[in-house]
N, C-alpha and C. Protein backbone atom coordinates (compact mmCIF):
# COMPACT_ATOMS: atom_id res chain seq x y z
N UNK A 1 112.34 111.87 95.78
CA UNK A 1 111.86 110.80 95.13
C UNK A 1 110.91 109.84 95.50
N UNK A 2 110.00 109.11 94.90
CA UNK A 2 109.15 108.43 95.55
C UNK A 2 109.76 107.42 96.03
N UNK A 3 109.04 106.74 97.25
CA UNK A 3 109.76 105.60 98.09
C UNK A 3 109.79 104.12 97.21
N UNK A 4 108.82 104.07 96.14
CA UNK A 4 108.80 102.44 95.49
C UNK A 4 110.07 102.53 94.62
N UNK A 5 110.43 103.66 94.63
CA UNK A 5 112.04 103.66 93.31
C UNK A 5 113.03 103.45 94.00
N UNK A 6 113.09 103.83 95.73
CA UNK A 6 114.30 104.05 96.64
C UNK A 6 114.70 102.38 96.79
N UNK A 7 116.26 102.08 96.52
CA UNK A 7 116.28 101.11 97.66
C UNK A 7 116.74 101.21 98.94
N UNK A 8 116.64 99.89 99.75
CA UNK A 8 116.71 100.18 101.38
C UNK A 8 118.30 99.85 101.19
N UNK A 9 119.30 100.85 102.35
CA UNK A 9 120.29 100.84 102.39
C UNK A 9 120.67 99.81 103.71
N UNK A 10 122.08 99.67 103.97
CA UNK A 10 122.34 99.03 104.78
C UNK A 10 122.85 99.57 105.90
N UNK A 11 123.10 100.98 105.65
CA UNK A 11 123.56 101.76 107.42
C UNK A 11 122.41 102.81 107.02
N UNK A 12 121.32 102.60 108.43
CA UNK A 12 120.04 103.28 108.74
C UNK A 12 120.50 104.33 109.71
N UNK A 13 119.59 105.07 110.11
CA UNK A 13 119.38 105.64 111.51
C UNK A 13 117.73 105.76 111.44
N UNK A 14 117.61 105.71 112.79
CA UNK A 14 116.20 105.74 113.32
C UNK A 14 115.46 106.96 112.47
N UNK A 15 114.34 107.23 112.48
CA UNK A 15 113.84 108.22 111.88
C UNK A 15 112.74 109.07 112.94
N UNK A 16 113.30 110.69 112.98
CA UNK A 16 112.72 111.77 114.16
C UNK A 16 110.96 111.14 113.87
N UNK A 17 110.35 111.70 114.71
CA UNK A 17 108.85 111.54 114.39
C UNK A 17 108.67 112.78 113.20
N UNK A 18 109.00 113.73 113.04
CA UNK A 18 108.74 114.80 111.86
C UNK A 18 108.90 114.12 110.69
N UNK A 19 109.84 113.56 110.58
CA UNK A 19 110.13 112.84 109.45
C UNK A 19 109.10 111.54 109.20
N UNK A 20 108.80 110.84 110.06
CA UNK A 20 107.79 109.68 109.85
C UNK A 20 106.41 110.69 109.46
N UNK A 21 106.56 111.16 110.06
CA UNK A 21 105.10 112.20 109.68
C UNK A 21 105.07 112.43 108.10
N UNK A 22 106.20 112.95 108.02
CA UNK A 22 106.37 113.24 106.20
C UNK A 22 106.47 112.20 105.95
N UNK A 23 106.21 110.71 105.90
CA UNK A 23 106.34 109.86 105.02
C UNK A 23 105.10 108.89 105.11
N UNK A 24 104.75 109.60 106.13
CA UNK A 24 103.23 108.53 105.83
C UNK A 24 102.40 108.50 105.07
N UNK A 25 102.07 109.91 104.79
CA UNK A 25 101.26 109.96 103.51
C UNK A 25 101.28 109.30 102.33
N UNK A 26 102.81 108.80 102.36
CA UNK A 26 103.29 108.15 100.86
C UNK A 26 102.75 106.56 101.02
N UNK A 27 102.66 106.28 102.25
CA UNK A 27 101.86 104.99 101.98
C UNK A 27 100.36 104.84 103.33
N UNK A 28 99.52 105.68 102.61
CA UNK A 28 98.30 106.09 103.34
C UNK A 28 97.68 104.66 103.63
N UNK A 29 98.02 103.50 103.53
CA UNK A 29 96.86 102.07 104.01
C UNK A 29 97.87 101.43 105.43
N UNK A 30 98.81 102.11 105.58
CA UNK A 30 99.77 102.06 106.73
C UNK A 30 99.30 102.48 107.95
N UNK A 31 100.15 102.10 109.30
CA UNK A 31 99.80 103.04 110.57
C UNK A 31 100.73 102.63 111.51
N UNK A 32 101.06 103.33 112.10
CA UNK A 32 101.94 103.03 113.23
C UNK A 32 100.97 102.24 114.30
N UNK A 33 101.73 101.04 114.71
CA UNK A 33 100.90 100.51 115.74
C UNK A 33 102.24 99.83 116.76
N UNK A 34 102.19 100.54 117.58
CA UNK A 34 103.17 100.18 118.68
C UNK A 34 104.56 100.71 118.21
N UNK A 35 104.36 101.51 117.26
CA UNK A 35 106.08 102.10 117.60
C UNK A 35 106.48 101.36 116.01
N UNK A 36 105.37 100.74 115.40
CA UNK A 36 105.89 99.78 113.89
C UNK A 36 105.32 100.15 112.91
N UNK A 37 105.58 99.88 111.72
CA UNK A 37 104.98 100.54 110.59
C UNK A 37 104.14 99.06 109.96
N UNK A 38 102.43 98.92 109.92
CA UNK A 38 101.65 97.78 109.95
C UNK A 38 100.46 98.38 108.90
N UNK A 39 100.32 97.18 108.24
CA UNK A 39 99.23 97.35 107.08
C UNK A 39 98.38 95.84 107.40
N UNK A 40 97.52 95.60 107.25
CA UNK A 40 96.21 94.54 106.71
C UNK A 40 96.26 94.44 105.25
N UNK A 41 96.45 93.28 104.93
CA UNK A 41 96.30 93.11 102.84
C UNK A 41 95.47 92.29 102.80
N UNK A 42 94.12 92.46 102.36
CA UNK A 42 92.68 91.44 102.15
C UNK A 42 93.29 90.84 100.61
N UNK A 43 92.85 89.11 100.71
CA UNK A 43 93.00 88.88 99.31
C UNK A 43 91.44 87.94 99.39
N UNK A 44 91.29 87.57 98.27
CA UNK A 44 90.28 86.68 98.06
C UNK A 44 90.31 85.17 98.44
N UNK A 45 91.18 84.60 98.83
CA UNK A 45 91.37 83.08 99.34
C UNK A 45 92.79 82.63 99.77
N UNK A 46 92.66 81.47 100.20
CA UNK A 46 94.11 80.86 100.45
C UNK A 46 95.10 81.01 99.52
N UNK A 47 94.90 80.91 98.33
CA UNK A 47 95.75 80.86 97.39
C UNK A 47 96.52 82.14 96.83
N UNK A 48 95.18 83.26 96.75
CA UNK A 48 95.97 84.46 96.54
C UNK A 48 96.68 85.06 97.30
N UNK A 49 96.54 84.82 98.92
CA UNK A 49 97.31 85.04 100.07
C UNK A 49 98.50 84.78 100.22
N UNK A 50 98.47 83.38 99.46
CA UNK A 50 99.99 82.92 99.65
C UNK A 50 101.21 83.26 98.52
N UNK A 51 100.03 83.51 97.23
CA UNK A 51 100.69 83.90 96.13
C UNK A 51 101.22 85.34 96.64
N UNK A 52 100.38 86.02 97.18
CA UNK A 52 101.57 87.60 97.87
C UNK A 52 101.96 87.46 98.44
N UNK A 53 102.07 86.73 99.39
CA UNK A 53 103.16 86.62 100.43
C UNK A 53 104.78 86.17 99.71
N UNK A 54 104.55 85.28 98.57
CA UNK A 54 105.94 84.77 98.07
C UNK A 54 106.13 86.30 97.01
N UNK A 55 105.31 86.79 96.43
CA UNK A 55 105.84 87.69 95.80
C UNK A 55 106.58 89.12 96.85
N UNK A 56 105.92 89.45 98.12
CA UNK A 56 106.30 89.72 99.12
C UNK A 56 107.53 89.55 99.63
N UNK A 57 107.56 88.52 99.97
CA UNK A 57 109.01 87.31 100.22
C UNK A 57 110.29 87.79 99.38
N UNK A 58 110.02 87.57 98.17
CA UNK A 58 111.15 87.92 97.12
C UNK A 58 111.45 89.40 97.41
N UNK A 59 110.62 90.38 97.67
CA UNK A 59 110.55 91.39 97.12
C UNK A 59 111.71 92.09 98.66
N UNK A 60 111.15 91.62 99.79
CA UNK A 60 111.89 91.97 100.82
C UNK A 60 113.22 91.22 101.01
N UNK A 61 113.66 89.95 100.21
CA UNK A 61 114.72 89.27 100.26
C UNK A 61 115.67 90.13 99.35
N UNK A 62 115.32 90.68 98.09
CA UNK A 62 115.95 91.52 97.28
C UNK A 62 116.37 93.20 98.18
N UNK A 63 115.38 93.18 98.60
CA UNK A 63 115.88 94.87 99.74
C UNK A 63 116.54 94.13 100.87
N UNK A 64 116.59 93.16 101.39
CA UNK A 64 117.56 92.39 102.54
C UNK A 64 116.56 93.31 103.53
N UNK A 65 115.55 93.22 103.79
CA UNK A 65 114.72 93.91 104.67
C UNK A 65 113.30 93.63 104.96
N UNK A 66 113.39 92.49 105.91
CA UNK A 66 112.39 91.45 106.11
C UNK A 66 111.27 91.87 107.18
N UNK A 67 110.02 91.93 106.90
CA UNK A 67 108.84 92.08 107.60
C UNK A 67 108.65 91.22 108.77
N UNK A 68 107.46 90.95 109.69
CA UNK A 68 107.50 90.13 110.60
C UNK A 68 105.86 90.02 109.94
N UNK A 69 105.55 88.73 109.71
CA UNK A 69 104.07 87.84 108.90
C UNK A 69 103.34 87.66 109.55
N UNK A 70 102.24 87.75 109.22
CA UNK A 70 101.01 86.52 109.62
C UNK A 70 99.80 86.81 108.76
N UNK A 71 99.82 85.26 108.92
CA UNK A 71 99.04 85.10 107.14
C UNK A 71 97.66 84.17 107.60
N UNK A 72 97.12 84.41 107.44
CA UNK A 72 95.41 83.84 107.49
C UNK A 72 94.78 83.45 106.28
N UNK A 73 93.75 82.95 106.12
CA UNK A 73 93.14 82.37 104.88
C UNK A 73 93.09 83.32 103.83
N UNK A 74 92.60 84.91 104.13
CA UNK A 74 92.17 85.58 103.25
C UNK A 74 92.91 86.81 103.67
N UNK A 75 93.80 86.74 104.38
CA UNK A 75 94.57 88.20 104.77
C UNK A 75 96.16 87.89 105.21
N UNK A 76 96.85 88.94 104.97
CA UNK A 76 98.39 88.78 105.38
C UNK A 76 98.87 90.14 106.30
N UNK A 77 99.10 90.45 107.43
CA UNK A 77 99.33 91.53 107.87
C UNK A 77 100.67 91.48 108.06
N UNK A 78 101.57 92.68 107.47
CA UNK A 78 102.62 92.73 107.53
C UNK A 78 103.29 93.79 108.42
N UNK A 79 104.37 93.73 109.09
CA UNK A 79 104.72 94.65 109.96
C UNK A 79 106.20 95.26 109.80
N UNK A 80 107.02 96.14 109.57
CA UNK A 80 107.84 96.55 109.63
C UNK A 80 108.70 97.70 110.50
N UNK A 81 109.87 97.08 110.97
CA UNK A 81 110.52 98.17 112.08
C UNK A 81 112.29 97.60 111.53
N UNK A 82 113.02 98.43 112.13
CA UNK A 82 114.25 97.90 111.85
C UNK A 82 114.92 97.69 113.02
N UNK A 83 115.55 96.34 112.82
CA UNK A 83 116.18 95.83 113.89
C UNK A 83 117.77 96.43 114.21
N UNK A 84 118.00 96.73 113.58
CA UNK A 84 119.68 97.56 113.53
C UNK A 84 119.28 98.83 114.20
N UNK A 85 118.48 99.13 113.84
CA UNK A 85 118.66 100.73 115.04
C UNK A 85 117.39 100.57 116.19
N UNK A 86 117.46 99.15 116.81
CA UNK A 86 117.18 99.23 118.19
C UNK A 86 115.58 98.66 118.03
N UNK A 87 114.50 98.62 116.71
CA UNK A 87 113.37 98.17 116.47
C UNK A 87 112.64 99.51 116.19
N UNK A 88 113.43 100.49 116.40
CA UNK A 88 112.56 101.80 115.55
C UNK A 88 112.19 101.52 114.00
N UNK A 89 111.73 103.17 113.48
CA UNK A 89 111.60 102.72 112.12
C UNK A 89 112.70 103.91 111.51
N UNK A 90 113.21 103.36 110.60
CA UNK A 90 114.14 103.71 109.44
C UNK A 90 113.70 103.80 108.13
N UNK A 91 114.18 105.17 107.31
CA UNK A 91 113.58 104.75 105.79
C UNK A 91 113.50 103.81 105.07
N UNK A 92 114.24 102.44 105.46
CA UNK A 92 114.27 101.30 104.92
C UNK A 92 112.52 100.31 105.01
N UNK A 93 111.98 100.95 106.16
CA UNK A 93 110.79 100.47 106.18
C UNK A 93 109.61 101.26 105.46
N UNK A 94 109.91 102.48 105.34
CA UNK A 94 109.00 102.97 104.56
C UNK A 94 109.09 102.49 102.91
N UNK A 95 110.39 102.82 102.40
CA UNK A 95 110.76 101.93 101.07
C UNK A 95 109.65 100.62 100.93
N UNK A 96 110.31 99.59 102.00
CA UNK A 96 109.31 97.97 101.80
C UNK A 96 107.76 98.36 101.83
N UNK A 97 107.38 99.25 102.51
CA UNK A 97 105.98 99.57 102.48
C UNK A 97 105.32 99.74 101.38
N UNK A 98 106.19 100.73 100.50
CA UNK A 98 105.57 101.47 99.44
C UNK A 98 105.57 100.54 98.08
N UNK A 99 106.71 99.27 98.32
CA UNK A 99 106.85 98.39 97.59
C UNK A 99 105.93 97.55 97.75
N UNK A 100 105.68 97.15 98.90
CA UNK A 100 104.46 95.89 99.31
C UNK A 100 103.06 96.61 99.13
N UNK A 101 102.91 97.78 98.99
CA UNK A 101 101.78 98.64 98.29
C UNK A 101 101.45 98.33 96.69
N UNK A 102 102.74 98.35 96.19
CA UNK A 102 102.95 98.16 94.60
C UNK A 102 102.38 96.85 94.16
N UNK A 103 102.99 95.78 95.09
CA UNK A 103 102.92 94.55 94.63
C UNK A 103 101.29 94.18 94.75
N UNK A 104 100.68 94.56 96.16
CA UNK A 104 99.39 94.75 96.02
C UNK A 104 98.25 95.15 95.09
N UNK A 105 98.56 96.37 94.81
CA UNK A 105 98.34 96.75 93.58
C UNK A 105 98.35 96.19 92.59
N UNK A 106 99.23 95.53 92.37
CA UNK A 106 99.36 94.68 91.02
C UNK A 106 98.75 93.60 90.87
N UNK A 107 98.62 92.87 91.92
CA UNK A 107 97.92 91.58 92.11
C UNK A 107 96.62 91.69 92.39
N UNK A 108 95.94 92.82 92.77
CA UNK A 108 94.66 92.84 93.00
C UNK A 108 93.76 94.00 92.44
N UNK A 109 94.73 94.59 92.00
CA UNK A 109 93.68 96.29 91.46
C UNK A 109 93.38 96.93 92.30
N UNK A 110 93.74 96.88 93.41
CA UNK A 110 93.67 97.51 95.18
C UNK A 110 94.08 99.27 94.46
């Protein structure tokens, strides 16, 4: 099943390195940074950045899986990891990354 079509689960386990390697091609704009899943989203101006952040916030609230966000004038950096598995990555991180990509593509055509 496509990641963007999946729902985050409350009971998750950490992903093994081979499972992460298998999922990364489904979110090619994301990178593993210090064991966390991270992406920089480039936007045209502050208004578009905040609109994207609001759309992202709505989605992650619905999924009950919240990233760390760093917001600046033309950029938002999202970092996902799962607190309930000791800060490691879970399937939920990849699901939300794919959903964030879909929001970004819808808003920017990228």
